């Protein structure tokens, strides 16, 4: 009888130690959200530079390179965070990394083309249409990956009974 009791208690201790705590998940979520907020701020600053009337092409390119480098740093930061061992938490992390990867790709291609068109297209109607299509692609891509991050974050929060603000 004593051995059964010890066995049951040991099983309870082992099972209760499995998986991350809600507190660990909340802390991880908050770190990821802070990184995403930093990215949003840097992105806003980049767009503000593009909107300035007296901005030069070289300034835009420099700011875009800074933004891309910042994204690369933030991706490494996310990858370096200790991720609680749970499928939903890992899905949230992976969605965040995928989003940053896509933002990096946009910074290396579509945003470069936008800058080129801003300063070199003149009154060319086809260039203006291409410019509009680039902006639409950027907007759609950014929106798609933000939505995926939000979806996986909600699934994670639901699994751990966390209320998102």
C-alpha atoms as a PDB file:
ATOM      1  CA  UNK A   1       0.000   0.000   0.000  1.00  0.00           C
ATOM      2  CA  UNK A   2       2.816   2.388   0.903  1.00  0.00           C
ATOM      3  CA  UNK A   3       4.533   1.718  -2.462  1.00  0.00           C
ATOM      4  CA  UNK A   4       1.302   2.532  -4.330  1.00  0.00           C
ATOM      5  CA  UNK A   5       0.977   5.812  -2.436  1.00  0.00           C
ATOM      6  CA  UNK A   6       4.583   6.748  -3.188  1.00  0.00           C
ATOM      7  CA  UNK A   7       4.069   5.806  -6.832  1.00  0.00           C
ATOM      8  CA  UNK A   8       0.909   7.930  -7.068  1.00  0.00           C
ATOM      9  CA  UNK A   9       2.605  10.909  -5.405  1.00  0.00           C
ATOM     10  CA  UNK A  10       5.607  10.580  -7.715  1.00  0.00           C
ATOM     11  CA  UNK A  11       3.301  10.495 -10.747  1.00  0.00           C
ATOM     12  CA  UNK A  12       1.488  13.619  -9.558  1.00  0.00           C
ATOM     13  CA  UNK A  13       4.779  15.445  -9.076  1.00  0.00           C
ATOM     14  CA  UNK A  14       6.021  14.408 -12.503  1.00  0.00           C
ATOM     15  CA  UNK A  15       2.784  15.376 -14.240  1.00  0.00           C
ATOM     16  CA  UNK A  16       2.526  18.702 -12.456  1.00  0.00           C
ATOM     17  CA  UNK A  17       6.059  19.557 -13.604  1.00  0.00           C
ATOM     18  CA  UNK A  18       5.259  19.042 -17.290  1.00  0.00           C
ATOM     19  CA  UNK A  19       4.774  21.995 -19.569  1.00  0.00           C
ATOM     20  CA  UNK A  20       5.194  25.693 -18.949  1.00  0.00           C
ATOM     21  CA  UNK A  21       3.287  27.653 -16.344  1.00  0.00           C
ATOM     22  CA  UNK A  22       0.855  30.380 -17.300  1.00  0.00           C
ATOM     23  CA  UNK A  23       3.249  32.917 -15.796  1.00  0.00           C
ATOM     24  CA  UNK A  24       6.089  31.690 -18.042  1.00  0.00           C
ATOM     25  CA  UNK A  25       3.851  31.974 -21.096  1.00  0.00           C
ATOM     26  CA  UNK A  26       2.698  35.478 -20.128  1.00  0.00           C
ATOM     27  CA  UNK A  27       6.304  36.619 -19.704  1.00  0.00           C
ATOM     28  CA  UNK A  28       7.266  35.104 -23.056  1.00  0.00           C
ATOM     29  CA  UNK A  29       4.254  36.713 -24.744  1.00  0.00           C
ATOM     30  CA  UNK A  30       5.165  40.091 -23.274  1.00  0.00           C
ATOM     31  CA  UNK A  31       8.741  39.830 -24.572  1.00  0.00           C
ATOM     32  CA  UNK A  32       7.509  38.999 -28.072  1.00  0.00           C
ATOM     33  CA  UNK A  33       4.920  41.797 -27.980  1.00  0.00           C
ATOM     34  CA  UNK A  34       7.633  44.269 -26.911  1.00  0.00           C
ATOM     35  CA  UNK A  35       9.757  43.213 -29.894  1.00  0.00           C
ATOM     36  CA  UNK A  36       6.797  43.547 -32.273  1.00  0.00           C
ATOM     37  CA  UNK A  37       6.051  47.014 -30.863  1.00  0.00           C
ATOM     38  CA  UNK A  38       9.679  48.003 -31.456  1.00  0.00           C
ATOM     39  CA  UNK A  39       9.370  46.802 -35.053  1.00  0.00           C
ATOM     40  CA  UNK A  40       6.152  48.785 -35.489  1.00  0.00           C
ATOM     41  CA  UNK A  41       7.859  51.914 -34.201  1.00  0.00           C
ATOM     42  CA  UNK A  42      10.846  51.497 -36.487  1.00  0.00           C
ATOM     43  CA  UNK A  43       8.503  50.840 -39.431  1.00  0.00           C
ATOM     44  CA  UNK A  44       6.542  54.021 -38.665  1.00  0.00           C
ATOM     45  CA  UNK A  45       9.770  56.000 -38.540  1.00  0.00           C
ATOM     46  CA  UNK A  46      10.777  54.584 -41.928  1.00  0.00           C
ATOM     47  CA  UNK A  47       7.466  55.607 -43.487  1.00  0.00           C
ATOM     48  CA  UNK A  48       7.751  59.072 -41.935  1.00  0.00           C
ATOM     49  CA  UNK A  49      11.137  59.503 -43.640  1.00  0.00           C
ATOM     50  CA  UNK A  50       9.605  58.523 -46.994  1.00  0.00           C
ATOM     51  CA  UNK A  51       6.879  61.176 -46.558  1.00  0.00           C
ATOM     52  CA  UNK A  52       9.216  64.104 -45.950  1.00  0.00           C
ATOM     53  CA  UNK A  53       9.132  66.607 -48.796  1.00  0.00           C
ATOM     54  CA  UNK A  54      12.850  67.360 -48.814  1.00  0.00           C
ATOM     55  CA  UNK A  55      14.063  63.785 -48.340  1.00  0.00           C
ATOM     56  CA  UNK A  56      16.716  62.421 -50.671  1.00  0.00           C
ATOM     57  CA  UNK A  57      16.978  59.008 -52.269  1.00  0.00           C
ATOM     58  CA  UNK A  58      20.187  58.291 -50.376  1.00  0.00           C
ATOM     59  CA  UNK A  59      18.512  59.149 -47.050  1.00  0.00           C
ATOM     60  CA  UNK A  60      15.629  56.794 -47.842  1.00  0.00           C
ATOM     61  CA  UNK A  61      18.043  54.008 -48.775  1.00  0.00           C
ATOM     62  CA  UNK A  62      20.064  54.561 -45.625  1.00  0.00           C
ATOM     63  CA  UNK A  63      16.935  54.455 -43.443  1.00  0.00           C
ATOM     64  CA  UNK A  64      15.720  51.346 -45.251  1.00  0.00           C
ATOM     65  CA  UNK A  65      19.074  49.623 -44.636  1.00  0.00           C
ATOM     66  CA  UNK A  66      18.851  50.595 -40.961  1.00  0.00           C
ATOM     67  CA  UNK A  67      15.328  49.164 -40.817  1.00  0.00           C
ATOM     68  CA  UNK A  68      16.427  45.905 -42.462  1.00  0.00           C
ATOM     69  CA  UNK A  69      19.384  45.573 -40.085  1.00  0.00           C
ATOM     70  CA  UNK A  70      17.061  46.276 -37.165  1.00  0.00           C
ATOM     71  CA  UNK A  71      14.716  43.503 -38.351  1.00  0.00           C
ATOM     72  CA  UNK A  72      17.621  41.075 -38.565  1.00  0.00           C
ATOM     73  CA  UNK A  73      18.600  41.957 -34.978  1.00  0.00           C
ATOM     74  CA  UNK A  74      15.021  41.509 -33.763  1.00  0.00           C
ATOM     75  CA  UNK A  75      14.758  38.137 -35.487  1.00  0.00           C
ATOM     76  CA  UNK A  76      17.909  37.003 -33.681  1.00  0.00           C
ATOM     77  CA  UNK A  77      16.460  38.336 -30.444  1.00  0.00           C
ATOM     78  CA  UNK A  78      13.259  36.301 -30.883  1.00  0.00           C
ATOM     79  CA  UNK A  79      15.263  33.217 -31.821  1.00  0.00           C
ATOM     80  CA  UNK A  80      17.426  33.703 -28.736  1.00  0.00           C
ATOM     81  CA  UNK A  81      14.532  33.884 -26.282  1.00  0.00           C
ATOM     82  CA  UNK A  82      13.972  30.781 -24.216  1.00  0.00           C
ATOM     83  CA  UNK A  83      10.670  29.489 -25.558  1.00  0.00           C
ATOM     84  CA  UNK A  84       8.419  27.585 -23.158  1.00  0.00           C
ATOM     85  CA  UNK A  85       8.014  23.986 -24.283  1.00  0.00           C
ATOM     86  CA  UNK A  86       4.495  24.001 -25.661  1.00  0.00           C
ATOM     87  CA  UNK A  87       3.127  23.553 -29.179  1.00  0.00           C
ATOM     88  CA  UNK A  88       0.960  26.711 -29.068  1.00  0.00           C
ATOM     89  CA  UNK A  89       3.783  28.855 -27.709  1.00  0.00           C
ATOM     90  CA  UNK A  90       6.156  27.543 -30.366  1.00  0.00           C
ATOM     91  CA  UNK A  91       3.557  28.295 -33.061  1.00  0.00           C
ATOM     92  CA  UNK A  92       3.417  31.899 -31.781  1.00  0.00           C
ATOM     93  CA  UNK A  93       7.221  32.136 -31.851  1.00  0.00           C
ATOM     94  CA  UNK A  94       7.398  30.620 -35.344  1.00  0.00           C
ATOM     95  CA  UNK A  95       4.700  32.978 -36.667  1.00  0.00           C
ATOM     96  CA  UNK A  96       6.656  35.931 -35.267  1.00  0.00           C
ATOM     97  CA  UNK A  97       9.874  34.749 -36.900  1.00  0.00           C
ATOM     98  CA  UNK A  98       8.050  34.172 -40.198  1.00  0.00           C
ATOM     99  CA  UNK A  99       6.615  37.690 -40.016  1.00  0.00           C
ATOM    100  CA  UNK A 100      10.039  39.211 -39.440  1.00  0.00           C
ATOM    101  CA  UNK A 101      11.490  37.130 -42.295  1.00  0.00           C
ATOM    102  CA  UNK A 102       8.811  38.452 -44.643  1.00  0.00           C
ATOM    103  CA  UNK A 103       9.440  42.025 -43.490  1.00  0.00           C
ATOM    104  CA  UNK A 104      13.135  41.531 -44.233  1.00  0.00           C
ATOM    105  CA  UNK A 105      12.272  40.282 -47.741  1.00  0.00           C
ATOM    106  CA  UNK A 106      10.058  43.332 -48.308  1.00  0.00           C
ATOM    107  CA  UNK A 107      12.880  45.607 -47.148  1.00  0.00           C
ATOM    108  CA  UNK A 108      15.303  43.927 -49.540  1.00  0.00           C
ATOM    109  CA  UNK A 109      13.051  43.993 -52.596  1.00  0.00           C
ATOM    110  CA  UNK A 110       9.738  45.866 -52.647  1.00  0.00           C
ATOM    111  CA  UNK A 111      10.815  48.802 -50.503  1.00  0.00           C
ATOM    112  CA  UNK A 112      13.958  49.214 -52.626  1.00  0.00           C
ATOM    113  CA  UNK A 113      11.776  49.357 -55.731  1.00  0.00           C
ATOM    114  CA  UNK A 114       9.452  51.869 -54.043  1.00  0.00           C
ATOM    115  CA  UNK A 115      12.401  54.166 -53.331  1.00  0.00           C
ATOM    116  CA  UNK A 116      13.657  53.841 -56.888  1.00  0.00           C
ATOM    117  CA  UNK A 117      10.226  54.743 -58.265  1.00  0.00           C
ATOM    118  CA  UNK A 118       9.770  57.617 -55.819  1.00  0.00           C
ATOM    119  CA  UNK A 119      12.863  59.330 -57.147  1.00  0.00           C
ATOM    120  CA  UNK A 120      13.108  58.165 -60.750  1.00  0.00           C
ATOM    121  CA  UNK A 121       9.677  57.618 -62.280  1.00  0.00           C
ATOM    122  CA  UNK A 122       8.630  61.147 -63.230  1.00  0.00           C
ATOM    123  CA  UNK A 123       5.129  61.222 -64.736  1.00  0.00           C
ATOM    124  CA  UNK A 124       5.255  57.725 -66.230  1.00  0.00           C
ATOM    125  CA  UNK A 125       1.764  56.217 -65.858  1.00  0.00           C
ATOM    126  CA  UNK A 126       2.960  52.606 -65.949  1.00  0.00           C
ATOM    127  CA  UNK A 127       5.552  53.375 -63.247  1.00  0.00           C
ATOM    128  CA  UNK A 128       2.811  54.910 -61.113  1.00  0.00           C
ATOM    129  CA  UNK A 129       0.637  51.811 -61.545  1.00  0.00           C
ATOM    130  CA  UNK A 130       3.587  49.590 -60.633  1.00  0.00           C
ATOM    131  CA  UNK A 131       4.298  51.808 -57.625  1.00  0.00           C
ATOM    132  CA  UNK A 132       0.682  51.390 -56.466  1.00  0.00           C
ATOM    133  CA  UNK A 133       0.891  47.615 -56.930  1.00  0.00           C
ATOM    134  CA  UNK A 134       4.092  47.509 -54.852  1.00  0.00           C
ATOM    135  CA  UNK A 135       2.429  49.438 -52.039  1.00  0.00           C
ATOM    136  CA  UNK A 136      -0.541  47.096 -52.172  1.00  0.00           C
ATOM    137  CA  UNK A 137       1.733  44.053 -52.067  1.00  0.00           C
ATOM    138  CA  UNK A 138       3.642  45.470 -49.103  1.00  0.00           C
ATOM    139  CA  UNK A 139       0.434  46.278 -47.255  1.00  0.00           C
ATOM    140  CA  UNK A 140      -1.113  42.863 -47.969  1.00  0.00           C
ATOM    141  CA  UNK A 141       2.035  40.980 -46.984  1.00  0.00           C
ATOM    142  CA  UNK A 142       2.517  42.901 -43.758  1.00  0.00           C
ATOM    143  CA  UNK A 143      -1.165  42.492 -42.894  1.00  0.00           C
ATOM    144  CA  UNK A 144      -1.176  38.764 -43.638  1.00  0.00           C
ATOM    145  CA  UNK A 145       1.762  38.044 -41.354  1.00  0.00           C
ATOM    146  CA  UNK A 146       0.513  40.328 -38.566  1.00  0.00           C
ATOM    147  CA  UNK A 147      -2.789  38.452 -38.671  1.00  0.00           C
ATOM    148  CA  UNK A 148      -1.000  35.105 -38.442  1.00  0.00           C
ATOM    149  CA  UNK A 149       0.918  36.298 -35.383  1.00  0.00           C
ATOM    150  CA  UNK A 150      -2.302  37.540 -33.783  1.00  0.00           C
ATOM    151  CA  UNK A 151      -4.052  34.237 -34.564  1.00  0.00           C
ATOM    152  CA  UNK A 152      -1.319  32.096 -33.021  1.00  0.00           C
ATOM    153  CA  UNK A 153      -1.078  34.448 -30.052  1.00  0.00           C
ATOM    154  CA  UNK A 154      -4.820  34.079 -29.417  1.00  0.00           C
ATOM    155  CA  UNK A 155      -4.599  30.279 -29.696  1.00  0.00           C
ATOM    156  CA  UNK A 156      -1.754  30.299 -27.195  1.00  0.00           C
ATOM    157  CA  UNK A 157      -3.643  32.630 -24.860  1.00  0.00           C
ATOM    158  CA  UNK A 158      -6.766  30.471 -25.063  1.00  0.00           C
ATOM    159  CA  UNK A 159      -4.759  27.336 -24.245  1.00  0.00           C
ATOM    160  CA  UNK A 160      -3.396  28.979 -21.088  1.00  0.00           C
ATOM    161  CA  UNK A 161      -6.529  30.965 -20.149  1.00  0.00           C
ATOM    162  CA  UNK A 162      -4.730  34.273 -20.683  1.00  0.00           C
ATOM    163  CA  UNK A 163      -6.675  37.433 -21.435  1.00  0.00           C
ATOM    164  CA  UNK A 164      -4.986  39.489 -24.133  1.00  0.00           C
ATOM    165  CA  UNK A 165      -5.136  43.280 -23.922  1.00  0.00           C
END
